[in-house]
Amino acid sequence: MCSIQGSYREQTPESAIAAFADSLAAAVDGITTPWLTILLENTAGAGSALGTRLEELATLRDLSAPRVALPMGYCLDTCHLLVAGFNIVTADGLAQTMADADRLLGLDNVPVIHTNDSKGALGSHLDRHANIGQGHIGKDAFRRILHHPRLQDKAFILETPTEDGADRRDVQALLDLSQ
């Protein structure tokens, strides 16, 4: 799987989405590897990043998929969701976010969750990953995320700072929270 993000610096979001579709089609032209899936990842919303809104991710896929001979789906990043304004910290906020993701993207099209806490607060657009339970998402929210019935079949890929053995502690924290 390959995760892709885009930007609309010095152009409108609409023209950037069209340029993204053109660029993606050119990048994968001639590639017919059946085991490769292109995943479009949600962004934190800093600057001119495309894909902060789920509607935008869906449009990126809708315009690109007919021109790409590879399967396409989505990767949701927990830090990016929070700082883009999706309140995944509360039970109600997570339920709303998952309902929106299902309606706009189809959760069946989301095989991967980039799993990381966030140094940035809700709606801050600060794309800084933190170790599990050491940020604004917190352990209780990760317990709810890991136990959400629509996320049970997803691959949770840790994407946290790794210095000083923190990656092993994060894996253990997620294992403990999944019990």
N, C-alpha and C. Protein backbone atom coordinates (compact mmCIF):
# COMPACT_ATOMS: atom_id res chain seq x y z
N MET A 1 0.83 -1.17 0.00
CA MET A 1 0.00 0.00 0.00
C MET A 1 0.88 1.23 0.00
N CYS A 2 0.38 2.26 -0.61
CA CYS A 2 1.11 3.51 -0.75
C CYS A 2 0.17 4.63 -0.32
N SER A 3 0.58 5.47 0.61
CA SER A 3 -0.25 6.56 1.10
C SER A 3 0.16 7.85 0.40
N ILE A 4 -0.82 8.62 -0.09
CA ILE A 4 -0.55 9.81 -0.88
C ILE A 4 -1.27 11.01 -0.30
N GLN A 5 -0.57 12.15 -0.28
CA GLN A 5 -1.16 13.41 0.13
C GLN A 5 -0.86 14.44 -0.96
N GLY A 6 -1.64 15.53 -1.01
CA GLY A 6 -1.43 16.57 -2.01
C GLY A 6 -1.58 17.96 -1.43
N SER A 7 -1.22 18.98 -2.24
CA SER A 7 -1.24 20.37 -1.79
C SER A 7 -1.76 21.25 -2.91
N TYR A 8 -2.34 22.41 -2.55
CA TYR A 8 -2.87 23.32 -3.57
C TYR A 8 -2.22 24.70 -3.51
N ARG A 9 -0.97 24.76 -3.12
CA ARG A 9 -0.25 26.03 -3.05
C ARG A 9 -0.31 26.75 -4.39
N GLU A 10 -0.65 28.03 -4.37
CA GLU A 10 -0.70 28.92 -5.54
C GLU A 10 -1.73 28.49 -6.59
N GLN A 11 -2.76 27.78 -6.18
CA GLN A 11 -3.87 27.45 -7.07
C GLN A 11 -5.12 27.21 -6.23
N THR A 12 -6.24 27.08 -6.88
CA THR A 12 -7.48 26.81 -6.15
C THR A 12 -7.50 25.34 -5.75
N PRO A 13 -8.25 25.01 -4.70
CA PRO A 13 -8.38 23.59 -4.36
C PRO A 13 -8.93 22.75 -5.52
N GLU A 14 -9.86 23.30 -6.27
CA GLU A 14 -10.45 22.56 -7.39
C GLU A 14 -9.41 22.24 -8.46
N SER A 15 -8.58 23.24 -8.81
CA SER A 15 -7.56 22.98 -9.83
C SER A 15 -6.48 22.05 -9.28
N ALA A 16 -6.21 22.13 -7.99
CA ALA A 16 -5.22 21.23 -7.39
C ALA A 16 -5.72 19.79 -7.38
N ILE A 17 -7.00 19.60 -7.13
CA ILE A 17 -7.57 18.25 -7.16
C ILE A 17 -7.45 17.67 -8.56
N ALA A 18 -7.73 18.49 -9.58
CA ALA A 18 -7.59 18.03 -10.97
C ALA A 18 -6.12 17.72 -11.27
N ALA A 19 -5.22 18.57 -10.81
CA ALA A 19 -3.78 18.34 -11.03
C ALA A 19 -3.32 17.08 -10.30
N PHE A 20 -3.88 16.84 -9.11
CA PHE A 20 -3.56 15.63 -8.36
C PHE A 20 -3.95 14.39 -9.17
N ALA A 21 -5.17 14.40 -9.71
CA ALA A 21 -5.64 13.26 -10.50
C ALA A 21 -4.74 13.05 -11.72
N ASP A 22 -4.35 14.14 -12.40
CA ASP A 22 -3.45 14.03 -13.54
C ASP A 22 -2.10 13.44 -13.12
N SER A 23 -1.55 13.96 -12.02
CA SER A 23 -0.23 13.52 -11.55
C SER A 23 -0.25 12.06 -11.11
N LEU A 24 -1.30 11.67 -10.41
CA LEU A 24 -1.40 10.29 -9.96
C LEU A 24 -1.51 9.35 -11.15
N ALA A 25 -2.33 9.72 -12.13
CA ALA A 25 -2.47 8.89 -13.33
C ALA A 25 -1.13 8.75 -14.04
N ALA A 26 -0.37 9.84 -14.14
CA ALA A 26 0.94 9.78 -14.79
C ALA A 26 1.92 8.94 -13.99
N ALA A 27 1.87 9.06 -12.67
CA ALA A 27 2.81 8.35 -11.80
C ALA A 27 2.63 6.83 -11.86
N VAL A 28 1.42 6.37 -12.03
CA VAL A 28 1.17 4.93 -12.01
C VAL A 28 0.92 4.35 -13.40
N ASP A 29 1.07 5.18 -14.43
CA ASP A 29 0.86 4.72 -15.80
C ASP A 29 1.75 3.51 -16.08
N GLY A 30 1.15 2.43 -16.50
CA GLY A 30 1.89 1.23 -16.83
C GLY A 30 2.13 0.28 -15.68
N ILE A 31 1.81 0.69 -14.47
CA ILE A 31 1.99 -0.18 -13.31
C ILE A 31 0.73 -1.04 -13.17
N THR A 32 0.90 -2.34 -13.22
CA THR A 32 -0.24 -3.25 -13.14
C THR A 32 -0.07 -4.27 -12.01
N THR A 33 0.72 -3.93 -11.02
CA THR A 33 0.96 -4.83 -9.91
C THR A 33 -0.35 -5.03 -9.14
N PRO A 34 -0.90 -6.23 -9.13
CA PRO A 34 -2.22 -6.43 -8.51
C PRO A 34 -2.23 -6.30 -7.00
N TRP A 35 -1.08 -6.41 -6.34
CA TRP A 35 -1.05 -6.35 -4.88
C TRP A 35 -0.84 -4.94 -4.34
N LEU A 36 -0.70 -3.95 -5.23
CA LEU A 36 -0.49 -2.57 -4.80
C LEU A 36 -1.83 -1.85 -4.73
N THR A 37 -2.10 -1.22 -3.59
CA THR A 37 -3.29 -0.40 -3.41
C THR A 37 -2.85 1.01 -3.06
N ILE A 38 -3.42 1.98 -3.71
CA ILE A 38 -3.13 3.38 -3.41
C ILE A 38 -4.11 3.85 -2.35
N LEU A 39 -3.56 4.38 -1.26
CA LEU A 39 -4.39 4.92 -0.18
C LEU A 39 -4.22 6.42 -0.10
N LEU A 40 -5.32 7.12 -0.08
CA LEU A 40 -5.31 8.57 0.11
C LEU A 40 -5.48 8.84 1.59
N GLU A 41 -4.55 9.57 2.19
CA GLU A 41 -4.56 9.82 3.63
C GLU A 41 -5.12 11.19 3.95
N ASN A 42 -5.93 11.25 4.99
CA ASN A 42 -6.44 12.55 5.44
C ASN A 42 -5.27 13.37 5.99
N THR A 43 -5.38 14.69 5.88
CA THR A 43 -4.31 15.57 6.33
C THR A 43 -4.75 16.42 7.52
N ALA A 44 -3.78 17.05 8.14
CA ALA A 44 -4.03 17.87 9.34
C ALA A 44 -4.66 19.21 9.01
N GLY A 45 -4.56 19.64 7.77
CA GLY A 45 -5.17 20.91 7.38
C GLY A 45 -4.26 22.10 7.50
N ALA A 46 -2.98 21.87 7.63
CA ALA A 46 -2.03 22.98 7.71
C ALA A 46 -1.76 23.52 6.32
N GLY A 47 -1.69 24.82 6.21
CA GLY A 47 -1.36 25.44 4.93
C GLY A 47 -2.33 25.10 3.84
N SER A 48 -1.81 24.57 2.76
CA SER A 48 -2.61 24.31 1.57
C SER A 48 -2.75 22.81 1.28
N ALA A 49 -2.77 22.01 2.32
CA ALA A 49 -2.88 20.56 2.15
C ALA A 49 -4.27 20.16 1.67
N LEU A 50 -4.31 19.27 0.72
CA LEU A 50 -5.57 18.67 0.28
C LEU A 50 -5.91 17.51 1.20
N GLY A 51 -7.18 17.21 1.34
CA GLY A 51 -7.59 16.01 2.07
C GLY A 51 -7.86 16.21 3.54
N THR A 52 -8.03 17.44 3.97
CA THR A 52 -8.40 17.68 5.37
C THR A 52 -9.86 17.31 5.60
N ARG A 53 -10.69 17.66 4.65
CA ARG A 53 -12.11 17.33 4.72
C ARG A 53 -12.33 15.97 4.04
N LEU A 54 -13.19 15.16 4.61
CA LEU A 54 -13.46 13.84 4.04
C LEU A 54 -14.07 13.95 2.65
N GLU A 55 -14.87 15.00 2.42
CA GLU A 55 -15.47 15.23 1.11
C GLU A 55 -14.37 15.41 0.06
N GLU A 56 -13.30 16.10 0.44
CA GLU A 56 -12.19 16.33 -0.47
C GLU A 56 -11.47 15.02 -0.80
N LEU A 57 -11.28 14.17 0.20
CA LEU A 57 -10.67 12.86 -0.05
C LEU A 57 -11.51 12.05 -1.03
N ALA A 58 -12.82 12.08 -0.82
CA ALA A 58 -13.71 11.34 -1.71
C ALA A 58 -13.62 11.87 -3.14
N THR A 59 -13.56 13.18 -3.30
CA THR A 59 -13.45 13.79 -4.62
C THR A 59 -12.12 13.42 -5.28
N LEU A 60 -11.03 13.42 -4.49
CA LEU A 60 -9.73 13.01 -5.02
C LEU A 60 -9.80 11.60 -5.59
N ARG A 61 -10.43 10.71 -4.85
CA ARG A 61 -10.54 9.32 -5.33
C ARG A 61 -11.49 9.23 -6.53
N ASP A 62 -12.62 9.92 -6.45
CA ASP A 62 -13.59 9.85 -7.54
C ASP A 62 -13.00 10.31 -8.87
N LEU A 63 -12.17 11.36 -8.83
CA LEU A 63 -11.57 11.86 -10.06
C LEU A 63 -10.38 11.02 -10.52
N SER A 64 -9.68 10.41 -9.58
CA SER A 64 -8.48 9.65 -9.91
C SER A 64 -8.76 8.20 -10.31
N ALA A 65 -9.69 7.56 -9.63
CA ALA A 65 -9.91 6.12 -9.80
C ALA A 65 -10.17 5.69 -11.25
N PRO A 66 -10.97 6.43 -12.03
CA PRO A 66 -11.20 5.97 -13.41
C PRO A 66 -9.94 6.01 -14.28
N ARG A 67 -8.92 6.74 -13.83
CA ARG A 67 -7.71 6.92 -14.63
C ARG A 67 -6.54 6.08 -14.12
N VAL A 68 -6.78 5.34 -13.05
CA VAL A 68 -5.71 4.57 -12.41
C VAL A 68 -6.10 3.10 -12.43
N ALA A 69 -5.19 2.27 -12.91
CA ALA A 69 -5.48 0.84 -13.03
C ALA A 69 -5.10 0.07 -11.76
N LEU A 70 -5.15 0.73 -10.64
CA LEU A 70 -4.85 0.11 -9.35
C LEU A 70 -6.00 0.36 -8.40
N PRO A 71 -6.22 -0.55 -7.44
CA PRO A 71 -7.25 -0.29 -6.44
C PRO A 71 -6.89 0.95 -5.63
N MET A 72 -7.90 1.69 -5.20
CA MET A 72 -7.70 2.89 -4.40
C MET A 72 -8.59 2.85 -3.17
N GLY A 73 -8.08 3.34 -2.08
CA GLY A 73 -8.83 3.43 -0.85
C GLY A 73 -8.31 4.59 -0.02
N TYR A 74 -8.48 4.48 1.29
CA TYR A 74 -8.12 5.57 2.19
C TYR A 74 -7.38 5.04 3.41
N CYS A 75 -6.56 5.90 3.96
CA CYS A 75 -5.90 5.67 5.25
C CYS A 75 -6.32 6.83 6.14
N LEU A 76 -6.84 6.53 7.32
CA LEU A 76 -7.18 7.58 8.27
C LEU A 76 -6.09 7.67 9.33
N ASP A 77 -5.64 8.87 9.59
CA ASP A 77 -4.59 9.14 10.56
C ASP A 77 -5.25 9.78 11.79
N THR A 78 -5.05 9.19 12.96
CA THR A 78 -5.74 9.66 14.17
C THR A 78 -5.32 11.08 14.56
N CYS A 79 -4.04 11.40 14.49
CA CYS A 79 -3.59 12.76 14.80
C CYS A 79 -4.20 13.75 13.81
N HIS A 80 -4.14 13.42 12.53
CA HIS A 80 -4.67 14.32 11.51
C HIS A 80 -6.17 14.55 11.69
N LEU A 81 -6.90 13.50 12.04
CA LEU A 81 -8.33 13.67 12.29
C LEU A 81 -8.57 14.69 13.39
N LEU A 82 -7.90 14.51 14.52
CA LEU A 82 -8.12 15.39 15.66
C LEU A 82 -7.78 16.85 15.32
N VAL A 83 -6.60 17.07 14.78
CA VAL A 83 -6.18 18.46 14.56
C VAL A 83 -6.93 19.11 13.40
N ALA A 84 -7.56 18.30 12.55
CA ALA A 84 -8.39 18.84 11.47
C ALA A 84 -9.79 19.19 11.96
N GLY A 85 -10.09 18.85 13.23
CA GLY A 85 -11.38 19.23 13.80
C GLY A 85 -12.35 18.10 14.06
N PHE A 86 -11.93 16.87 13.86
CA PHE A 86 -12.80 15.71 14.15
C PHE A 86 -12.55 15.30 15.59
N ASN A 87 -13.56 15.43 16.43
CA ASN A 87 -13.39 15.16 17.86
C ASN A 87 -13.48 13.66 18.14
N ILE A 88 -12.39 12.97 17.86
CA ILE A 88 -12.35 11.52 18.09
C ILE A 88 -12.06 11.18 19.54
N VAL A 89 -11.92 12.18 20.39
CA VAL A 89 -11.60 11.96 21.81
C VAL A 89 -12.82 11.50 22.59
N THR A 90 -13.98 12.02 22.28
CA THR A 90 -15.19 11.63 23.01
C THR A 90 -15.91 10.49 22.28
N ALA A 91 -16.72 9.77 23.01
CA ALA A 91 -17.48 8.67 22.41
C ALA A 91 -18.41 9.19 21.32
N ASP A 92 -19.11 10.29 21.60
CA ASP A 92 -20.02 10.86 20.60
C ASP A 92 -19.25 11.38 19.38
N GLY A 93 -18.10 12.01 19.63
CA GLY A 93 -17.30 12.54 18.54
C GLY A 93 -16.75 11.44 17.65
N LEU A 94 -16.30 10.34 18.26
CA LEU A 94 -15.81 9.20 17.48
C LEU A 94 -16.95 8.60 16.66
N ALA A 95 -18.10 8.44 17.27
CA ALA A 95 -19.25 7.88 16.56
C ALA A 95 -19.61 8.75 15.35
N GLN A 96 -19.61 10.07 15.54
CA GLN A 96 -19.93 10.99 14.44
C GLN A 96 -18.87 10.92 13.35
N THR A 97 -17.60 10.88 13.75
CA THR A 97 -16.52 10.81 12.77
C THR A 97 -16.61 9.52 11.96
N MET A 98 -16.87 8.40 12.62
CA MET A 98 -16.98 7.13 11.90
C MET A 98 -18.21 7.12 10.99
N ALA A 99 -19.31 7.72 11.44
CA ALA A 99 -20.50 7.81 10.59
C ALA A 99 -20.22 8.66 9.35
N ASP A 100 -19.52 9.78 9.54
CA ASP A 100 -19.16 10.65 8.41
C ASP A 100 -18.21 9.92 7.46
N ALA A 101 -17.21 9.24 8.02
CA ALA A 101 -16.26 8.51 7.19
C ALA A 101 -16.96 7.40 6.41
N ASP A 102 -17.90 6.73 7.03
CA ASP A 102 -18.63 5.67 6.34
C ASP A 102 -19.49 6.25 5.22
N ARG A 103 -20.18 7.34 5.51
CA ARG A 103 -21.07 7.97 4.52
C ARG A 103 -20.28 8.53 3.33
N LEU A 104 -19.14 9.17 3.60
CA LEU A 104 -18.40 9.87 2.55
C LEU A 104 -17.34 9.01 1.86
N LEU A 105 -16.70 8.13 2.61
CA LEU A 105 -15.60 7.33 2.05
C LEU A 105 -15.97 5.86 1.92
N GLY A 106 -16.85 5.40 2.80
CA GLY A 106 -17.14 3.98 2.93
C GLY A 106 -16.05 3.34 3.76
N LEU A 107 -16.35 2.96 4.98
CA LEU A 107 -15.33 2.38 5.85
C LEU A 107 -14.74 1.09 5.28
N ASP A 108 -15.46 0.44 4.38
CA ASP A 108 -14.90 -0.73 3.70
C ASP A 108 -13.71 -0.34 2.82
N ASN A 109 -13.61 0.94 2.47
CA ASN A 109 -12.51 1.44 1.64
C ASN A 109 -11.35 1.97 2.48
N VAL A 110 -11.41 1.77 3.79
CA VAL A 110 -10.36 2.24 4.71
C VAL A 110 -9.71 1.02 5.36
N PRO A 111 -8.64 0.48 4.76
CA PRO A 111 -8.01 -0.70 5.34
C PRO A 111 -6.99 -0.39 6.44
N VAL A 112 -6.55 0.88 6.52
CA VAL A 112 -5.44 1.22 7.41
C VAL A 112 -5.78 2.43 8.27
N ILE A 113 -5.40 2.35 9.54
CA ILE A 113 -5.47 3.47 10.47
C ILE A 113 -4.04 3.79 10.91
N HIS A 114 -3.56 4.97 10.56
CA HIS A 114 -2.27 5.42 11.12
C HIS A 114 -2.56 5.82 12.56
N THR A 115 -1.92 5.15 13.47
CA THR A 115 -2.24 5.26 14.89
C THR A 115 -1.18 6.07 15.61
N ASN A 116 -1.56 7.24 16.06
CA ASN A 116 -0.65 8.11 16.78
C ASN A 116 -1.43 9.10 17.61
N ASP A 117 -0.87 9.48 18.74
CA ASP A 117 -1.47 10.54 19.55
C ASP A 117 -1.06 11.87 18.93
N SER A 118 -1.54 12.96 19.48
CA SER A 118 -1.34 14.26 18.87
C SER A 118 -0.82 15.30 19.86
N LYS A 119 0.26 15.98 19.47
CA LYS A 119 0.76 17.10 20.27
C LYS A 119 -0.14 18.32 20.10
N GLY A 120 -0.89 18.36 19.00
CA GLY A 120 -1.81 19.46 18.74
C GLY A 120 -3.20 19.17 19.27
N ALA A 121 -3.90 20.22 19.63
CA ALA A 121 -5.26 20.10 20.16
C ALA A 121 -6.29 20.02 19.02
N LEU A 122 -7.50 19.71 19.38
CA LEU A 122 -8.62 19.64 18.44
C LEU A 122 -8.68 20.91 17.60
N GLY A 123 -8.65 20.75 16.29
CA GLY A 123 -8.78 21.87 15.36
C GLY A 123 -7.56 22.74 15.20
N SER A 124 -6.43 22.36 15.77
CA SER A 124 -5.23 23.21 15.74
C SER A 124 -4.47 23.15 14.42
N HIS A 125 -4.70 22.14 13.61
CA HIS A 125 -3.99 21.90 12.35
C HIS A 125 -2.49 21.67 12.55
N LEU A 126 -2.08 21.34 13.76
CA LEU A 126 -0.68 21.09 14.08
C LEU A 126 -0.38 19.60 13.86
N ASP A 127 0.41 19.30 12.84
CA ASP A 127 0.71 17.91 12.49
C ASP A 127 1.97 17.46 13.22
N ARG A 128 1.80 17.15 14.51
CA ARG A 128 2.90 16.66 15.33
C ARG A 128 2.42 15.44 16.09
N HIS A 129 2.98 14.29 15.73
CA HIS A 129 2.57 13.04 16.34
C HIS A 129 3.19 12.90 17.72
N ALA A 130 2.44 12.27 18.62
CA ALA A 130 2.90 12.01 19.98
C ALA A 130 2.76 10.52 20.25
N ASN A 131 3.43 10.06 21.28
CA ASN A 131 3.31 8.66 21.67
C ASN A 131 1.93 8.41 22.26
N ILE A 132 1.49 7.16 22.20
CA ILE A 132 0.15 6.77 22.64
C ILE A 132 -0.05 7.16 24.11
N GLY A 133 -1.13 7.91 24.35
CA GLY A 133 -1.48 8.33 25.71
C GLY A 133 -0.72 9.54 26.19
N GLN A 134 0.11 10.14 25.35
CA GLN A 134 0.90 11.29 25.76
C GLN A 134 0.55 12.55 24.97
N GLY A 135 -0.66 12.58 24.47
CA GLY A 135 -1.09 13.72 23.68
C GLY A 135 -2.54 14.06 23.95
N HIS A 136 -3.12 14.80 23.03
CA HIS A 136 -4.49 15.29 23.19
C HIS A 136 -5.56 14.24 22.89
N ILE A 137 -5.18 13.10 22.34
CA ILE A 137 -6.17 12.03 22.11
C ILE A 137 -6.34 11.22 23.38
N GLY A 138 -5.27 10.69 23.91
CA GLY A 138 -5.31 10.00 25.19
C GLY A 138 -5.71 8.54 25.13
N LYS A 139 -5.41 7.84 26.19
CA LYS A 139 -5.62 6.38 26.24
C LYS A 139 -7.10 5.99 26.18
N ASP A 140 -7.98 6.72 26.85
CA ASP A 140 -9.40 6.36 26.82
C ASP A 140 -9.94 6.40 25.40
N ALA A 141 -9.54 7.42 24.64
CA ALA A 141 -10.00 7.52 23.24
C ALA A 141 -9.44 6.38 22.40
N PHE A 142 -8.17 6.04 22.62
CA PHE A 142 -7.60 4.92 21.87
C PHE A 142 -8.29 3.60 22.21
N ARG A 143 -8.70 3.43 23.45
CA ARG A 143 -9.46 2.22 23.81
C ARG A 143 -10.75 2.17 23.00
N ARG A 144 -11.45 3.30 22.90
CA ARG A 144 -12.70 3.34 22.11
C ARG A 144 -12.42 3.09 20.63
N ILE A 145 -11.36 3.68 20.11
CA ILE A 145 -11.00 3.50 18.69
C ILE A 145 -10.70 2.02 18.41
N LEU A 146 -9.89 1.42 19.24
CA LEU A 146 -9.51 0.02 19.04
C LEU A 146 -10.69 -0.93 19.16
N HIS A 147 -11.70 -0.54 19.93
CA HIS A 147 -12.87 -1.40 20.14
C HIS A 147 -14.05 -1.03 19.26
N HIS A 148 -13.90 0.00 18.43
CA HIS A 148 -15.03 0.41 17.57
C HIS A 148 -15.37 -0.75 16.63
N PRO A 149 -16.63 -1.14 16.58
CA PRO A 149 -17.00 -2.32 15.79
C PRO A 149 -16.67 -2.20 14.30
N ARG A 150 -16.66 -1.01 13.75
CA ARG A 150 -16.37 -0.85 12.31
C ARG A 150 -14.87 -0.78 12.02
N LEU A 151 -14.05 -0.80 13.08
CA LEU A 151 -12.60 -0.72 12.88
C LEU A 151 -11.89 -2.03 13.23
N GLN A 152 -12.64 -3.05 13.58
CA GLN A 152 -12.06 -4.31 14.03
C GLN A 152 -11.21 -5.00 12.97
N ASP A 153 -11.52 -4.81 11.71
CA ASP A 153 -10.79 -5.50 10.65
C ASP A 153 -9.70 -4.64 10.00
N LYS A 154 -9.41 -3.49 10.60
CA LYS A 154 -8.43 -2.57 10.03
C LYS A 154 -7.02 -2.89 10.52
N ALA A 155 -6.03 -2.54 9.70
CA ALA A 155 -4.64 -2.61 10.11
C ALA A 155 -4.31 -1.31 10.82
N PHE A 156 -3.86 -1.41 12.06
CA PHE A 156 -3.44 -0.24 12.83
C PHE A 156 -1.93 -0.16 12.73
N ILE A 157 -1.44 0.86 12.04
CA ILE A 157 0.00 1.03 11.85
C ILE A 157 0.47 2.16 12.75
N LEU A 158 1.38 1.82 13.64
CA LEU A 158 1.92 2.80 14.57
C LEU A 158 2.77 3.81 13.82
N GLU A 159 2.54 5.07 14.12
CA GLU A 159 3.27 6.15 13.45
C GLU A 159 3.61 7.22 14.50
N THR A 160 4.41 6.81 15.48
CA THR A 160 4.74 7.67 16.61
C THR A 160 6.25 7.86 16.70
N PRO A 161 6.71 8.83 17.49
CA PRO A 161 8.15 8.99 17.70
C PRO A 161 8.75 7.69 18.25
N THR A 162 9.94 7.35 17.80
CA THR A 162 10.53 6.05 18.14
C THR A 162 11.76 6.13 19.03
N GLU A 163 12.17 7.31 19.42
CA GLU A 163 13.40 7.41 20.21
C GLU A 163 13.27 6.71 21.55
N ASP A 164 14.38 6.17 21.99
CA ASP A 164 14.48 5.61 23.35
C ASP A 164 13.50 4.47 23.62
N GLY A 165 13.21 3.65 22.61
CA GLY A 165 12.33 2.50 22.83
C GLY A 165 10.85 2.83 22.94
N ALA A 166 10.48 4.06 22.60
CA ALA A 166 9.08 4.47 22.73
C ALA A 166 8.16 3.65 21.84
N ASP A 167 8.67 3.18 20.70
CA ASP A 167 7.82 2.40 19.81
C ASP A 167 7.36 1.10 20.47
N ARG A 168 8.23 0.46 21.22
CA ARG A 168 7.83 -0.77 21.94
C ARG A 168 6.80 -0.46 23.02
N ARG A 169 6.97 0.65 23.71
CA ARG A 169 5.98 1.04 24.74
C ARG A 169 4.63 1.37 24.09
N ASP A 170 4.67 1.99 22.91
CA ASP A 170 3.42 2.30 22.21
C ASP A 170 2.70 1.03 21.77
N VAL A 171 3.44 0.08 21.25
CA VAL A 171 2.83 -1.20 20.86
C VAL A 171 2.19 -1.86 22.08
N GLN A 172 2.92 -1.88 23.19
CA GLN A 172 2.38 -2.50 24.40
C GLN A 172 1.16 -1.74 24.91
N ALA A 173 1.20 -0.41 24.84
CA ALA A 173 0.05 0.39 25.28
C ALA A 173 -1.19 0.04 24.45
N LEU A 174 -1.01 -0.07 23.12
CA LEU A 174 -2.14 -0.42 22.26
C LEU A 174 -2.64 -1.84 22.54
N LEU A 175 -1.73 -2.76 22.76
CA LEU A 175 -2.14 -4.13 23.10
C LEU A 175 -2.94 -4.14 24.41
N ASP A 176 -2.46 -3.40 25.41
CA ASP A 176 -3.16 -3.33 26.69
C ASP A 176 -4.55 -2.71 26.51
N LEU A 177 -4.65 -1.66 25.70
CA LEU A 177 -5.92 -0.98 25.49
C LEU A 177 -6.90 -1.81 24.66
N SER A 178 -6.37 -2.74 23.87
CA SER A 178 -7.25 -3.56 23.04
C SER A 178 -7.88 -4.72 23.81
N GLN A 179 -7.40 -4.98 25.03
CA GLN A 179 -7.92 -6.09 25.85
C GLN A 179 -9.27 -5.76 26.41
